[in-house]
Amino acid sequence: MSAAEFTIAGPDEGPYGVAVVDGAVWTTLVHAGAVARLSRDAAQIERFDLDAPGSRPSVIVPGPDGAAWFTRNGDDHIGRIDAGGNISAIAAAGAPYGLCVGPDGALWCTLMNADQLARITVDGGVTTYPIGTTGAFPAMITATDDLWFTLNQANAIGRMTTTGDVTTYPLPTDSAGPVGISAGPDAVWFVEILAGQAGRITPDGKVEEFALPDGSKPHAVAAVPDGGCWITFWGTAALGRLDAKGNLIDEVALGDNSEPHGLAVDTDGSVWVALEKGTIAHLRP
């Protein structure tokens, strides 16, 4: 793969989440209380301060209204920014972290400290649903016909219908620490940061786990149309590609101390990766 890298922020400001929204690449600056936008050709970089230094903007996704939406883990809000740079926020108590658009067209997020999911409408309505497990620390979330989410401290994958019915699937490996999760065409991929493994769960609840390189500490995962996925290896500063059977078929070094976190697959199959050292990497097949 060919790779390019673009400086977005200072080394202590931390690009964390990344998303492609309406033809531009957005990233959250988790330690700076800001978000930034990069044009696809990298000709223009814009930065937007949230006027909330401790807000810790984290996961960012394309919203159902064409804007970029993101969790503010530090001050219990869901943020929104449109192409014109207009910023707003909706209160969502409980340390919101993971975020996705659900099958019902609303935004859904995990509330890590409340053991709940929250449903957020674009007009500001918030409804919360318990996940049924105490101290589970729900982390990332993705959607098929249902909502799927990692239970970091409960060592399980959760599944919730849009009406709040919950099913929990324990993981085969103890103390695996699941974090990232992403829905693929026929299964949901997730990663286990403590066990150094990727996992795959089918709609009927069958779980498979796949070993990753030693010390990789996988953090985020993005499913791709061929049934495989891309994974950020936070521990080894690399990006990995798995095929639909869980085989590691590509690994790309991102540089020492780059600390890769979020990633997004673009419409052309290229991959954008947020590197906490202050840059965004763009990798093309």
C-alpha atoms as a PDB file:
ATOM      1  CA  MET A   1       0.000   0.000   0.000  1.00  0.00           C
ATOM      2  CA  SER A   2       1.092   3.578  -0.557  1.00  0.00           C
ATOM      3  CA  ALA A   3       0.781   5.871   2.450  1.00  0.00           C
ATOM      4  CA  ALA A   4       0.647   9.597   3.047  1.00  0.00           C
ATOM      5  CA  GLU A   5       0.588  11.407   6.375  1.00  0.00           C
ATOM      6  CA  PHE A   6      -0.830  14.824   7.241  1.00  0.00           C
ATOM      7  CA  THR A   7      -0.160  16.855  10.375  1.00  0.00           C
ATOM      8  CA  ILE A   8      -3.457  17.845  11.966  1.00  0.00           C
ATOM      9  CA  ALA A   9      -2.531  18.862  15.497  1.00  0.00           C
ATOM     10  CA  GLY A  10       0.241  19.082  18.065  1.00  0.00           C
ATOM     11  CA  PRO A  11       1.749  15.878  19.473  1.00  0.00           C
ATOM     12  CA  ASP A  12      -0.129  16.264  22.758  1.00  0.00           C
ATOM     13  CA  GLU A  13      -3.557  16.966  21.234  1.00  0.00           C
ATOM     14  CA  GLY A  14      -4.272  13.470  20.003  1.00  0.00           C
ATOM     15  CA  PRO A  15      -6.254  12.726  16.843  1.00  0.00           C
ATOM     16  CA  TYR A  16      -8.457   9.891  18.090  1.00  0.00           C
ATOM     17  CA  GLY A  17     -11.580   9.152  16.052  1.00  0.00           C
ATOM     18  CA  VAL A  18     -11.820   9.589  12.296  1.00  0.00           C
ATOM     19  CA  ALA A  19     -14.720   9.562   9.820  1.00  0.00           C
ATOM     20  CA  VAL A  20     -15.375  10.430   6.199  1.00  0.00           C
ATOM     21  CA  VAL A  21     -18.353  12.782   6.087  1.00  0.00           C
ATOM     22  CA  ASP A  22     -19.722  14.463   2.964  1.00  0.00           C
ATOM     23  CA  GLY A  23     -16.447  14.248   1.060  1.00  0.00           C
ATOM     24  CA  ALA A  24     -14.146  15.395   3.872  1.00  0.00           C
ATOM     25  CA  VAL A  25     -12.199  13.623   6.612  1.00  0.00           C
ATOM     26  CA  TRP A  26     -13.030  14.606  10.181  1.00  0.00           C
ATOM     27  CA  THR A  27     -11.050  13.762  13.299  1.00  0.00           C
ATOM     28  CA  THR A  28     -11.449  14.392  17.014  1.00  0.00           C
ATOM     29  CA  LEU A  29      -8.619  16.002  18.994  1.00  0.00           C
ATOM     30  CA  VAL A  30      -9.310  14.229  22.257  1.00  0.00           C
ATOM     31  CA  HIS A  31      -6.844  16.162  24.438  1.00  0.00           C
ATOM     32  CA  ALA A  32      -7.508  19.572  22.891  1.00  0.00           C
ATOM     33  CA  GLY A  33     -11.316  19.804  23.045  1.00  0.00           C
ATOM     34  CA  ALA A  34     -11.497  20.326  19.294  1.00  0.00           C
ATOM     35  CA  VAL A  35     -12.266  18.643  15.985  1.00  0.00           C
ATOM     36  CA  ALA A  36     -10.489  19.068  12.657  1.00  0.00           C
ATOM     37  CA  ARG A  37     -11.420  18.621   9.014  1.00  0.00           C
ATOM     38  CA  LEU A  38      -9.119  17.571   6.194  1.00  0.00           C
ATOM     39  CA  SER A  39     -10.125  17.779   2.549  1.00  0.00           C
ATOM     40  CA  ARG A  40      -9.650  14.500   0.682  1.00  0.00           C
ATOM     41  CA  ASP A  41      -6.846  15.996  -1.376  1.00  0.00           C
ATOM     42  CA  ALA A  42      -5.254  17.348   1.830  1.00  0.00           C
ATOM     43  CA  ALA A  43      -5.228  20.853   0.352  1.00  0.00           C
ATOM     44  CA  GLN A  44      -7.210  22.312   3.250  1.00  0.00           C
ATOM     45  CA  ILE A  45      -7.081  21.671   6.997  1.00  0.00           C
ATOM     46  CA  GLU A  46      -9.519  23.410   9.321  1.00  0.00           C
ATOM     47  CA  ARG A  47      -9.724  23.268  13.080  1.00  0.00           C
ATOM     48  CA  PHE A  48     -12.796  23.935  15.216  1.00  0.00           C
ATOM     49  CA  ASP A  49     -12.540  24.596  18.948  1.00  0.00           C
ATOM     50  CA  LEU A  50     -15.465  23.304  21.001  1.00  0.00           C
ATOM     51  CA  ASP A  51     -15.002  25.893  23.781  1.00  0.00           C
ATOM     52  CA  ALA A  52     -14.981  22.952  26.189  1.00  0.00           C
ATOM     53  CA  PRO A  53     -11.361  22.062  27.019  1.00  0.00           C
ATOM     54  CA  GLY A  54     -12.224  18.982  29.092  1.00  0.00           C
ATOM     55  CA  SER A  55     -14.840  17.572  26.719  1.00  0.00           C
ATOM     56  CA  ARG A  56     -12.582  14.810  25.331  1.00  0.00           C
ATOM     57  CA  PRO A  57     -14.183  14.393  21.881  1.00  0.00           C
ATOM     58  CA  SER A  58     -13.692  10.729  21.024  1.00  0.00           C
ATOM     59  CA  VAL A  59     -15.586   8.632  18.460  1.00  0.00           C
ATOM     60  CA  ILE A  60     -16.883  10.470  15.376  1.00  0.00           C
ATOM     61  CA  VAL A  61     -19.291   9.217  12.690  1.00  0.00           C
ATOM     62  CA  PRO A  62     -21.326  10.488   9.724  1.00  0.00           C
ATOM     63  CA  GLY A  63     -24.757  11.436  11.035  1.00  0.00           C
ATOM     64  CA  PRO A  64     -28.129  10.761   9.423  1.00  0.00           C
ATOM     65  CA  ASP A  65     -28.422  14.475   8.598  1.00  0.00           C
ATOM     66  CA  GLY A  66     -25.122  14.851   6.708  1.00  0.00           C
ATOM     67  CA  ALA A  67     -23.266  16.387   9.665  1.00  0.00           C
ATOM     68  CA  ALA A  68     -20.449  14.850  11.715  1.00  0.00           C
ATOM     69  CA  TRP A  69     -21.506  13.630  15.168  1.00  0.00           C
ATOM     70  CA  PHE A  70     -19.115  12.727  17.985  1.00  0.00           C
ATOM     71  CA  THR A  71     -19.083  11.682  21.613  1.00  0.00           C
ATOM     72  CA  ARG A  72     -17.741  14.056  24.259  1.00  0.00           C
ATOM     73  CA  ASN A  73     -16.603  11.582  26.863  1.00  0.00           C
ATOM     74  CA  GLY A  74     -15.288  14.183  29.270  1.00  0.00           C
ATOM     75  CA  ASP A  75     -18.388  16.312  29.743  1.00  0.00           C
ATOM     76  CA  ASP A  76     -21.342  13.993  28.987  1.00  0.00           C
ATOM     77  CA  HIS A  77     -22.452  15.380  25.625  1.00  0.00           C
ATOM     78  CA  ILE A  78     -22.920  14.299  22.030  1.00  0.00           C
ATOM     79  CA  GLY A  79     -21.470  16.892  19.688  1.00  0.00           C
ATOM     80  CA  ARG A  80     -22.500  17.860  16.163  1.00  0.00           C
ATOM     81  CA  ILE A  81     -20.691  19.922  13.532  1.00  0.00           C
ATOM     82  CA  ASP A  82     -21.862  20.619   9.997  1.00  0.00           C
ATOM     83  CA  ALA A  83     -19.974  21.534   6.851  1.00  0.00           C
ATOM     84  CA  GLY A  84     -20.271  25.220   7.715  1.00  0.00           C
ATOM     85  CA  GLY A  85     -18.545  24.709  11.059  1.00  0.00           C
ATOM     86  CA  ASN A  86     -21.708  25.206  13.123  1.00  0.00           C
ATOM     87  CA  ILE A  87     -21.323  23.358  16.438  1.00  0.00           C
ATOM     88  CA  SER A  88     -23.999  22.153  18.842  1.00  0.00           C
ATOM     89  CA  ALA A  89     -24.262  19.562  21.609  1.00  0.00           C
ATOM     90  CA  ILE A  90     -26.843  17.356  23.329  1.00  0.00           C
ATOM     91  CA  ALA A  91     -26.481  16.255  26.961  1.00  0.00           C
ATOM     92  CA  ALA A  92     -26.069  12.484  27.461  1.00  0.00           C
ATOM     93  CA  ALA A  93     -24.972  11.651  31.019  1.00  0.00           C
ATOM     94  CA  GLY A  94     -22.877   8.568  31.711  1.00  0.00           C
ATOM     95  CA  ALA A  95     -19.610   9.076  29.790  1.00  0.00           C
ATOM     96  CA  PRO A  96     -20.675   8.596  26.145  1.00  0.00           C
ATOM     97  CA  TYR A  97     -18.007   6.877  24.062  1.00  0.00           C
ATOM     98  CA  GLY A  98     -19.003   4.583  21.170  1.00  0.00           C
ATOM     99  CA  LEU A  99     -21.351   6.003  18.525  1.00  0.00           C
ATOM    100  CA  CYS A 100     -23.138   4.759  15.414  1.00  0.00           C
ATOM    101  CA  VAL A 101     -26.268   5.315  13.330  1.00  0.00           C
ATOM    102  CA  GLY A 102     -28.801   2.628  14.147  1.00  0.00           C
ATOM    103  CA  PRO A 103     -31.163   0.740  11.843  1.00  0.00           C
ATOM    104  CA  ASP A 104     -33.927   3.156  12.843  1.00  0.00           C
ATOM    105  CA  GLY A 105     -32.023   6.192  11.535  1.00  0.00           C
ATOM    106  CA  ALA A 106     -31.252   7.586  14.985  1.00  0.00           C
ATOM    107  CA  LEU A 107     -27.830   7.886  16.612  1.00  0.00           C
ATOM    108  CA  TRP A 108     -26.961   5.358  19.319  1.00  0.00           C
ATOM    109  CA  CYS A 109     -24.117   5.645  21.814  1.00  0.00           C
ATOM    110  CA  THR A 110     -22.679   3.695  24.718  1.00  0.00           C
ATOM    111  CA  LEU A 111     -22.741   5.267  28.175  1.00  0.00           C
ATOM    112  CA  MET A 112     -19.690   3.649  29.751  1.00  0.00           C
ATOM    113  CA  ASN A 113     -20.276   4.670  33.350  1.00  0.00           C
ATOM    114  CA  ALA A 114     -24.033   4.084  33.340  1.00  0.00           C
ATOM    115  CA  ASP A 115     -24.220   0.583  31.791  1.00  0.00           C
ATOM    116  CA  GLN A 116     -26.674   1.938  29.241  1.00  0.00           C
ATOM    117  CA  LEU A 117     -27.129   2.726  25.582  1.00  0.00           C
ATOM    118  CA  ALA A 118     -28.623   6.052  24.551  1.00  0.00           C
ATOM    119  CA  ARG A 119     -30.726   6.775  21.479  1.00  0.00           C
ATOM    120  CA  ILE A 120     -30.308  10.340  20.185  1.00  0.00           C
ATOM    121  CA  THR A 121     -32.486  11.937  17.526  1.00  0.00           C
ATOM    122  CA  VAL A 122     -31.267  14.810  15.366  1.00  0.00           C
ATOM    123  CA  ASP A 123     -33.746  17.144  17.068  1.00  0.00           C
ATOM    124  CA  GLY A 124     -32.194  16.458  20.489  1.00  0.00           C
ATOM    125  CA  GLY A 125     -34.357  13.704  21.950  1.00  0.00           C
ATOM    126  CA  VAL A 126     -32.493  11.261  24.228  1.00  0.00           C
ATOM    127  CA  THR A 127     -33.801   7.892  25.445  1.00  0.00           C
ATOM    128  CA  THR A 128     -31.674   5.500  27.517  1.00  0.00           C
ATOM    129  CA  TYR A 129     -31.824   1.704  27.754  1.00  0.00           C
ATOM    130  CA  PRO A 130     -30.071  -0.492  30.356  1.00  0.00           C
ATOM    131  CA  ILE A 131     -27.726  -3.165  28.993  1.00  0.00           C
ATOM    132  CA  GLY A 132     -28.599  -5.556  31.829  1.00  0.00           C
ATOM    133  CA  THR A 133     -25.069  -6.003  33.188  1.00  0.00           C
ATOM    134  CA  THR A 134     -23.531  -3.961  36.018  1.00  0.00           C
ATOM    135  CA  GLY A 135     -19.975  -2.688  35.685  1.00  0.00           C
ATOM    136  CA  ALA A 136     -19.758  -3.904  32.075  1.00  0.00           C
ATOM    137  CA  PHE A 137     -18.183  -0.703  30.663  1.00  0.00           C
ATOM    138  CA  PRO A 138     -19.839  -0.714  27.213  1.00  0.00           C
ATOM    139  CA  ALA A 139     -17.299   0.625  24.718  1.00  0.00           C
ATOM    140  CA  MET A 140     -17.722   0.725  20.928  1.00  0.00           C
ATOM    141  CA  ILE A 141     -21.018   0.137  19.100  1.00  0.00           C
ATOM    142  CA  THR A 142     -22.109  -0.804  15.572  1.00  0.00           C
ATOM    143  CA  ALA A 143     -25.387  -1.647  13.859  1.00  0.00           C
ATOM    144  CA  THR A 144     -26.978  -4.316  11.683  1.00  0.00           C
ATOM    145  CA  ASP A 145     -30.707  -4.857  12.148  1.00  0.00           C
ATOM    146  CA  ASP A 146     -29.808  -4.578  15.853  1.00  0.00           C
ATOM    147  CA  LEU A 147     -27.182  -2.724  17.899  1.00  0.00           C
ATOM    148  CA  TRP A 148     -23.981  -4.631  18.739  1.00  0.00           C
ATOM    149  CA  PHE A 149     -21.509  -3.386  21.339  1.00  0.00           C
ATOM    150  CA  THR A 150     -18.437  -4.503  23.239  1.00  0.00           C
ATOM    151  CA  LEU A 151     -18.638  -5.004  26.999  1.00  0.00           C
ATOM    152  CA  ASN A 152     -15.065  -4.258  27.944  1.00  0.00           C
ATOM    153  CA  GLN A 153     -15.205  -5.253  31.617  1.00  0.00           C
ATOM    154  CA  ALA A 154     -17.832  -7.994  31.259  1.00  0.00           C
ATOM    155  CA  ASN A 155     -15.774  -9.849  28.634  1.00  0.00           C
ATOM    156  CA  ALA A 156     -18.721 -10.146  26.285  1.00  0.00           C
ATOM    157  CA  ILE A 157     -20.490  -8.822  23.218  1.00  0.00           C
ATOM    158  CA  GLY A 158     -23.887  -7.231  23.741  1.00  0.00           C
ATOM    159  CA  ARG A 159     -26.781  -7.076  21.308  1.00  0.00           C
ATOM    160  CA  MET A 160     -29.833  -4.844  21.663  1.00  0.00           C
ATOM    161  CA  THR A 161     -32.934  -4.371  19.563  1.00  0.00           C
ATOM    162  CA  THR A 162     -34.145  -0.834  18.942  1.00  0.00           C
ATOM    163  CA  THR A 163     -36.836  -1.470  21.551  1.00  0.00           C
ATOM    164  CA  GLY A 164     -34.295  -2.342  24.256  1.00  0.00           C
ATOM    165  CA  ASP A 165     -34.232  -6.163  24.348  1.00  0.00           C
ATOM    166  CA  VAL A 166     -30.714  -7.342  25.218  1.00  0.00           C
ATOM    167  CA  THR A 167     -28.755 -10.526  24.550  1.00  0.00           C
ATOM    168  CA  THR A 168     -25.227 -11.044  25.904  1.00  0.00           C
ATOM    169  CA  TYR A 169     -22.624 -13.350  24.364  1.00  0.00           C
ATOM    170  CA  PRO A 170     -19.672 -14.239  26.661  1.00  0.00           C
ATOM    171  CA  LEU A 171     -16.278 -14.453  24.971  1.00  0.00           C
ATOM    172  CA  PRO A 172     -14.299 -17.732  24.934  1.00  0.00           C
ATOM    173  CA  THR A 173     -11.105 -16.009  26.162  1.00  0.00           C
ATOM    174  CA  ASP A 174     -11.024 -14.740  29.742  1.00  0.00           C
ATOM    175  CA  SER A 175     -10.179 -11.078  30.393  1.00  0.00           C
ATOM    176  CA  ALA A 176      -9.984 -10.343  26.662  1.00  0.00           C
ATOM    177  CA  GLY A 177     -10.902  -6.643  26.966  1.00  0.00           C
ATOM    178  CA  PRO A 178     -13.069  -6.160  23.839  1.00  0.00           C
ATOM    179  CA  VAL A 179     -13.053  -2.590  22.477  1.00  0.00           C
ATOM    180  CA  GLY A 180     -13.591  -1.923  18.752  1.00  0.00           C
ATOM    181  CA  ILE A 181     -16.522  -3.415  16.837  1.00  0.00           C
ATOM    182  CA  SER A 182     -17.779  -3.114  13.253  1.00  0.00           C
ATOM    183  CA  ALA A 183     -20.594  -4.779  11.312  1.00  0.00           C
ATOM    184  CA  GLY A 184     -19.635  -6.605   8.121  1.00  0.00           C
ATOM    185  CA  PRO A 185     -21.817  -8.107   5.368  1.00  0.00           C
ATOM    186  CA  ASP A 186     -22.451 -11.411   7.157  1.00  0.00           C
ATOM    187  CA  ALA A 187     -20.959 -11.044  10.662  1.00  0.00           C
ATOM    188  CA  VAL A 188     -19.746  -8.497  13.191  1.00  0.00           C
ATOM    189  CA  TRP A 189     -16.019  -8.053  13.780  1.00  0.00           C
ATOM    190  CA  PHE A 190     -14.549  -6.985  17.121  1.00  0.00           C
ATOM    191  CA  VAL A 191     -11.099  -6.767  18.701  1.00  0.00           C
ATOM    192  CA  GLU A 192      -9.756  -7.787  22.105  1.00  0.00           C
ATOM    193  CA  ILE A 193      -7.090  -5.340  23.252  1.00  0.00           C
ATOM    194  CA  LEU A 194      -5.911  -7.368  26.248  1.00  0.00           C
ATOM    195  CA  ALA A 195      -5.920 -10.778  24.561  1.00  0.00           C
ATOM    196  CA  GLY A 196      -4.363  -9.549  21.310  1.00  0.00           C
ATOM    197  CA  GLN A 197      -7.074 -11.146  19.214  1.00  0.00           C
ATOM    198  CA  ALA A 198      -9.732 -10.322  16.670  1.00  0.00           C
ATOM    199  CA  GLY A 199     -13.176 -11.851  16.929  1.00  0.00           C
ATOM    200  CA  ARG A 200     -16.109 -12.492  14.663  1.00  0.00           C
ATOM    201  CA  ILE A 201     -19.710 -13.097  15.765  1.00  0.00           C
ATOM    202  CA  THR A 202     -22.480 -14.265  13.427  1.00  0.00           C
ATOM    203  CA  PRO A 203     -26.165 -13.344  13.736  1.00  0.00           C
ATOM    204  CA  ASP A 204     -26.865 -16.670  15.471  1.00  0.00           C
ATOM    205  CA  GLY A 205     -24.285 -15.861  18.175  1.00  0.00           C
ATOM    206  CA  LYS A 206     -21.369 -18.047  17.059  1.00  0.00           C
ATOM    207  CA  VAL A 207     -18.056 -16.526  18.144  1.00  0.00           C
ATOM    208  CA  GLU A 208     -14.656 -17.165  16.543  1.00  0.00           C
ATOM    209  CA  GLU A 209     -11.367 -15.661  17.726  1.00  0.00           C
ATOM    210  CA  PHE A 210      -8.166 -15.109  15.717  1.00  0.00           C
ATOM    211  CA  ALA A 211      -4.689 -14.502  17.104  1.00  0.00           C
ATOM    212  CA  LEU A 212      -2.938 -11.281  16.077  1.00  0.00           C
ATOM    213  CA  PRO A 213       0.779 -10.388  16.216  1.00  0.00           C
ATOM    214  CA  ASP A 214       2.337 -10.379  19.687  1.00  0.00           C
ATOM    215  CA  GLY A 215       1.988  -7.043  21.451  1.00  0.00           C
ATOM    216  CA  SER A 216      -0.413  -5.651  18.865  1.00  0.00           C
ATOM    217  CA  LYS A 217      -3.051  -4.417  21.351  1.00  0.00           C
ATOM    218  CA  PRO A 218      -5.793  -4.054  18.705  1.00  0.00           C
ATOM    219  CA  HIS A 219      -7.980  -1.021  19.307  1.00  0.00           C
ATOM    220  CA  ALA A 220     -10.340  -0.172  16.431  1.00  0.00           C
ATOM    221  CA  VAL A 221     -11.752  -2.291  13.605  1.00  0.00           C
ATOM    222  CA  ALA A 222     -13.512  -1.454  10.348  1.00  0.00           C
ATOM    223  CA  ALA A 223     -15.276  -4.164   8.345  1.00  0.00           C
ATOM    224  CA  VAL A 224     -14.982  -4.162   4.541  1.00  0.00           C
ATOM    225  CA  PRO A 225     -17.377  -5.453   1.852  1.00  0.00           C
ATOM    226  CA  ASP A 226     -15.405  -8.644   1.086  1.00  0.00           C
ATOM    227  CA  GLY A 227     -16.087  -9.940   4.603  1.00  0.00           C
ATOM    228  CA  GLY A 228     -12.718  -9.045   6.080  1.00  0.00           C
ATOM    229  CA  CYS A 229     -11.635  -6.039   8.130  1.00  0.00           C
ATOM    230  CA  TRP A 230      -8.918  -3.506   8.932  1.00  0.00           C
ATOM    231  CA  ILE A 231      -7.594  -3.200  12.493  1.00  0.00           C
ATOM    232  CA  THR A 232      -5.393  -0.624  14.235  1.00  0.00           C
ATOM    233  CA  PHE A 233      -2.562  -2.250  16.201  1.00  0.00           C
ATOM    234  CA  TRP A 234      -2.042   0.348  18.897  1.00  0.00           C
ATOM    235  CA  GLY A 235       0.712  -1.622  20.631  1.00  0.00           C
ATOM    236  CA  THR A 236       2.882  -2.168  17.566  1.00  0.00           C
ATOM    237  CA  ALA A 237       2.079   1.071  15.692  1.00  0.00           C
ATOM    238  CA  ALA A 238       0.668  -0.697  12.647  1.00  0.00           C
ATOM    239  CA  LEU A 239      -2.453  -1.331  10.595  1.00  0.00           C
ATOM    240  CA  GLY A 240      -3.535  -4.899   9.849  1.00  0.00           C
ATOM    241  CA  ARG A 241      -5.880  -6.427   7.302  1.00  0.00           C
ATOM    242  CA  LEU A 242      -7.754  -9.705   7.890  1.00  0.00           C
ATOM    243  CA  ASP A 243      -9.610 -11.668   5.246  1.00  0.00           C
ATOM    244  CA  ALA A 244     -13.080 -13.126   5.795  1.00  0.00           C
ATOM    245  CA  LYS A 245     -11.564 -16.247   7.411  1.00  0.00           C
ATOM    246  CA  GLY A 246      -9.512 -14.311   9.933  1.00  0.00           C
ATOM    247  CA  ASN A 247      -6.139 -14.637   8.210  1.00  0.00           C
ATOM    248  CA  LEU A 248      -3.760 -11.693   8.517  1.00  0.00           C
ATOM    249  CA  ILE A 249      -3.098 -10.827   4.877  1.00  0.00           C
ATOM    250  CA  ASP A 250      -1.491  -7.387   5.195  1.00  0.00           C
ATOM    251  CA  GLU A 251       0.319  -5.378   7.853  1.00  0.00           C
ATOM    252  CA  VAL A 252       1.484  -1.783   7.404  1.00  0.00           C
ATOM    253  CA  ALA A 253       3.901  -0.069   9.788  1.00  0.00           C
ATOM    254  CA  LEU A 254       2.781   3.432  10.805  1.00  0.00           C
ATOM    255  CA  GLY A 255       5.938   4.597  12.553  1.00  0.00           C
ATOM    256  CA  ASP A 256       7.287   4.343  16.080  1.00  0.00           C
ATOM    257  CA  ASN A 257       5.136   5.979  18.770  1.00  0.00           C
ATOM    258  CA  SER A 258       2.400   6.841  16.274  1.00  0.00           C
ATOM    259  CA  GLU A 259      -0.337   5.366  18.531  1.00  0.00           C
ATOM    260  CA  PRO A 260      -3.004   4.536  15.928  1.00  0.00           C
ATOM    261  CA  HIS A 261      -6.559   4.683  17.235  1.00  0.00           C
ATOM    262  CA  GLY A 262      -9.640   5.226  15.035  1.00  0.00           C
ATOM    263  CA  LEU A 263      -9.883   4.313  11.380  1.00  0.00           C
ATOM    264  CA  ALA A 264     -12.339   4.728   8.525  1.00  0.00           C
ATOM    265  CA  VAL A 265     -12.608   3.010   5.152  1.00  0.00           C
ATOM    266  CA  ASP A 266     -13.339   5.439   2.315  1.00  0.00           C
ATOM    267  CA  THR A 267     -15.581   4.771  -0.691  1.00  0.00           C
ATOM    268  CA  ASP A 268     -12.537   4.034  -2.874  1.00  0.00           C
ATOM    269  CA  GLY A 269     -11.279   1.362  -0.467  1.00  0.00           C
ATOM    270  CA  SER A 270      -8.510   3.521   0.975  1.00  0.00           C
ATOM    271  CA  VAL A 271      -8.102   3.780   4.743  1.00  0.00           C
ATOM    272  CA  TRP A 272      -7.778   6.831   6.987  1.00  0.00           C
ATOM    273  CA  VAL A 273      -6.135   6.338  10.394  1.00  0.00           C
ATOM    274  CA  ALA A 274      -5.973   8.743  13.343  1.00  0.00           C
ATOM    275  CA  LEU A 275      -2.485   8.763  14.885  1.00  0.00           C
ATOM    276  CA  GLU A 276      -2.278  10.268  18.347  1.00  0.00           C
ATOM    277  CA  LYS A 277       1.153  11.724  17.595  1.00  0.00           C
ATOM    278  CA  GLY A 278      -0.735  14.499  15.746  1.00  0.00           C
ATOM    279  CA  THR A 279      -1.313  13.202  12.245  1.00  0.00           C
ATOM    280  CA  ILE A 280      -3.784  11.446   9.957  1.00  0.00           C
ATOM    281  CA  ALA A 281      -2.464   8.644   7.743  1.00  0.00           C
ATOM    282  CA  HIS A 282      -4.050   7.813   4.387  1.00  0.00           C
ATOM    283  CA  LEU A 283      -3.298   4.375   2.942  1.00  0.00           C
ATOM    284  CA  ARG A 284      -4.247   3.439  -0.598  1.00  0.00           C
ATOM    285  CA  PRO A 285      -4.304  -0.136  -1.957  1.00  0.00           C
END
